C-alpha atoms as a PDB file:
ATOM      1  CA  MET A   1    -175.265 -43.707  64.176  1.00  0.00           C
ATOM      2  CA  GLY A   2    -174.750 -42.878  67.583  1.00  0.00           C
ATOM      3  CA  GLY A   3    -173.788 -40.584  70.408  1.00  0.00           C
ATOM      4  CA  ILE A   4    -174.145 -36.868  70.483  1.00  0.00           C
ATOM      5  CA  ARG A   5    -172.875 -34.904  66.934  1.00  0.00           C
ATOM      6  CA  GLU A   6    -171.902 -31.161  66.853  1.00  0.00           C
ATOM      7  CA  ALA A   7    -173.356 -29.365  63.380  1.00  0.00           C
ATOM      8  CA  LYS A   8    -171.567 -25.584  62.478  1.00  0.00           C
ATOM      9  CA  LEU A   9    -173.784 -23.754  60.218  1.00  0.00           C
ATOM     10  CA  ARG A  10    -173.364 -20.641  58.629  1.00  0.00           C
ATOM     11  CA  ILE A  11    -176.493 -18.193  59.014  1.00  0.00           C
ATOM     12  CA  SER A  12    -177.071 -15.191  56.198  1.00  0.00           C
ATOM     13  CA  GLY A  13    -179.865 -12.582  56.884  1.00  0.00           C
ATOM     14  CA  MET A  14    -179.363 -12.237  60.589  1.00  0.00           C
ATOM     15  CA  HIS A  15    -179.802  -8.239  61.191  1.00  0.00           C
ATOM     16  CA  CYS A  16    -178.897  -8.104  65.171  1.00  0.00           C
ATOM     17  CA  ALA A  17    -178.046  -9.929  68.141  1.00  0.00           C
ATOM     18  CA  GLY A  18    -182.089 -10.600  68.584  1.00  0.00           C
ATOM     19  CA  CYS A  19    -181.920 -13.101  65.490  1.00  0.00           C
ATOM     20  CA  ALA A  20    -179.247 -14.920  66.599  1.00  0.00           C
ATOM     21  CA  ALA A  21    -181.377 -15.421  70.167  1.00  0.00           C
ATOM     22  CA  ARG A  22    -184.640 -16.029  67.781  1.00  0.00           C
ATOM     23  CA  ILE A  23    -182.838 -18.708  66.141  1.00  0.00           C
ATOM     24  CA  GLU A  24    -180.903 -20.024  69.161  1.00  0.00           C
ATOM     25  CA  LYS A  25    -184.494 -20.547  71.394  1.00  0.00           C
ATOM     26  CA  ALA A  26    -185.911 -22.327  68.022  1.00  0.00           C
ATOM     27  CA  LEU A  27    -183.408 -24.697  67.725  1.00  0.00           C
ATOM     28  CA  ARG A  28    -183.208 -25.345  71.542  1.00  0.00           C
ATOM     29  CA  ASP A  29    -186.791 -26.470  71.261  1.00  0.00           C
ATOM     30  CA  ILE A  30    -186.617 -29.131  68.734  1.00  0.00           C
ATOM     31  CA  ARG A  31    -186.215 -32.659  70.228  1.00  0.00           C
ATOM     32  CA  GLY A  32    -182.681 -33.911  70.042  1.00  0.00           C
ATOM     33  CA  ILE A  33    -181.143 -30.657  70.645  1.00  0.00           C
ATOM     34  CA  ILE A  34    -178.573 -30.960  73.111  1.00  0.00           C
ATOM     35  CA  ASP A  35    -177.426 -27.790  72.507  1.00  0.00           C
ATOM     36  CA  ALA A  36    -177.479 -24.201  69.921  1.00  0.00           C
ATOM     37  CA  ASN A  37    -174.841 -21.588  70.429  1.00  0.00           C
ATOM     38  CA  VAL A  38    -175.680 -18.701  67.413  1.00  0.00           C
ATOM     39  CA  ASP A  39    -173.050 -16.083  67.121  1.00  0.00           C
ATOM     40  CA  PHE A  40    -174.124 -12.903  64.897  1.00  0.00           C
ATOM     41  CA  GLY A  41    -171.079 -11.337  64.938  1.00  0.00           C
ATOM     42  CA  SER A  42    -169.707 -14.446  63.175  1.00  0.00           C
ATOM     43  CA  GLY A  43    -172.396 -15.960  61.889  1.00  0.00           C
ATOM     44  CA  LEU A  44    -171.844 -19.102  63.060  1.00  0.00           C
ATOM     45  CA  ALA A  45    -174.170 -21.690  64.799  1.00  0.00           C
ATOM     46  CA  ILE A  46    -173.015 -24.340  66.481  1.00  0.00           C
ATOM     47  CA  VAL A  47    -175.222 -27.259  67.725  1.00  0.00           C
ATOM     48  CA  ARG A  48    -174.775 -30.261  69.297  1.00  0.00           C
ATOM     49  CA  TYR A  49    -177.872 -32.830  68.992  1.00  0.00           C
ATOM     50  CA  ASP A  50    -178.867 -36.614  69.131  1.00  0.00           C
ATOM     51  CA  PRO A  51    -178.650 -38.056  65.402  1.00  0.00           C
ATOM     52  CA  GLY A  52    -181.073 -40.555  66.787  1.00  0.00           C
ATOM     53  CA  LEU A  53    -183.681 -37.836  67.041  1.00  0.00           C
ATOM     54  CA  VAL A  54    -183.322 -34.853  64.935  1.00  0.00           C
ATOM     55  CA  ARG A  55    -181.056 -34.634  61.444  1.00  0.00           C
ATOM     56  CA  VAL A  56    -178.937 -31.234  60.338  1.00  0.00           C
ATOM     57  CA  GLU A  57    -181.634 -31.226  57.571  1.00  0.00           C
ATOM     58  CA  GLU A  58    -184.313 -30.507  60.092  1.00  0.00           C
ATOM     59  CA  ILE A  59    -182.333 -28.192  62.050  1.00  0.00           C
ATOM     60  CA  LYS A  60    -181.357 -26.036  58.457  1.00  0.00           C
ATOM     61  CA  ARG A  61    -185.067 -26.385  57.903  1.00  0.00           C
ATOM     62  CA  VAL A  62    -186.311 -24.812  61.468  1.00  0.00           C
ATOM     63  CA  ILE A  63    -183.848 -22.059  60.434  1.00  0.00           C
ATOM     64  CA  GLU A  64    -184.868 -21.688  56.999  1.00  0.00           C
ATOM     65  CA  GLY A  65    -188.205 -21.123  58.241  1.00  0.00           C
ATOM     66  CA  LEU A  66    -187.248 -18.599  60.555  1.00  0.00           C
ATOM     67  CA  GLY A  67    -186.203 -16.464  57.317  1.00  0.00           C
ATOM     68  CA  TYR A  68    -182.889 -17.250  57.276  1.00  0.00           C
ATOM     69  CA  LYS A  69    -180.261 -19.386  54.854  1.00  0.00           C
ATOM     70  CA  ALA A  70    -178.236 -22.121  56.673  1.00  0.00           C
ATOM     71  CA  LEU A  71    -175.390 -23.544  54.913  1.00  0.00           C
ATOM     72  CA  GLU A  72    -173.245 -26.242  56.514  1.00  0.00           C
ATOM     73  CA  GLY A  73    -169.973 -25.224  57.562  1.00  0.00           C
ATOM     74  CA  GLU A  74    -168.540 -28.811  58.273  1.00  0.00           C
ATOM     75  CA  GLY A  75    -170.343 -31.900  58.593  1.00  0.00           C
ATOM     76  CA  PRO A  76    -171.490 -33.177  61.587  1.00  0.00           C
ATOM     77  CA  ARG A  77    -168.777 -34.688  64.002  1.00  0.00           C
ATOM     78  CA  ALA A  78    -168.600 -36.654  67.132  1.00  0.00           C
ATOM     79  CA  VAL A  79    -168.074 -34.935  70.208  1.00  0.00           C
ATOM     80  CA  ARG A  80    -166.287 -36.363  73.116  1.00  0.00           C
ATOM     81  CA  PRO A  81    -167.000 -36.162  76.528  1.00  0.00           C
ATOM     82  CA  SER A  82    -165.146 -33.377  78.326  1.00  0.00           C
ATOM     83  CA  TRP A  83    -164.533 -36.063  81.099  1.00  0.00           C
ATOM     84  CA  ARG A  84    -161.922 -38.546  79.070  1.00  0.00           C
END
């Protein structure tokens, strides 16, 4: 499995934008995470990652370790380079 993947995760248990920022920071600190955006309003996290370095299960464990619940909204999908 190669290339960058994108996972969409539903996150429950967030109470404010600070919760979303806390999750984003924790995710961005993980080796293999390219980018992470967490939206408090929608309860959605979009995480771009290298599947050779990190797995979705590990990403979910980090979120759950912070006290939130993470559910996969869609399965991981390949991300096309923007220059194509």
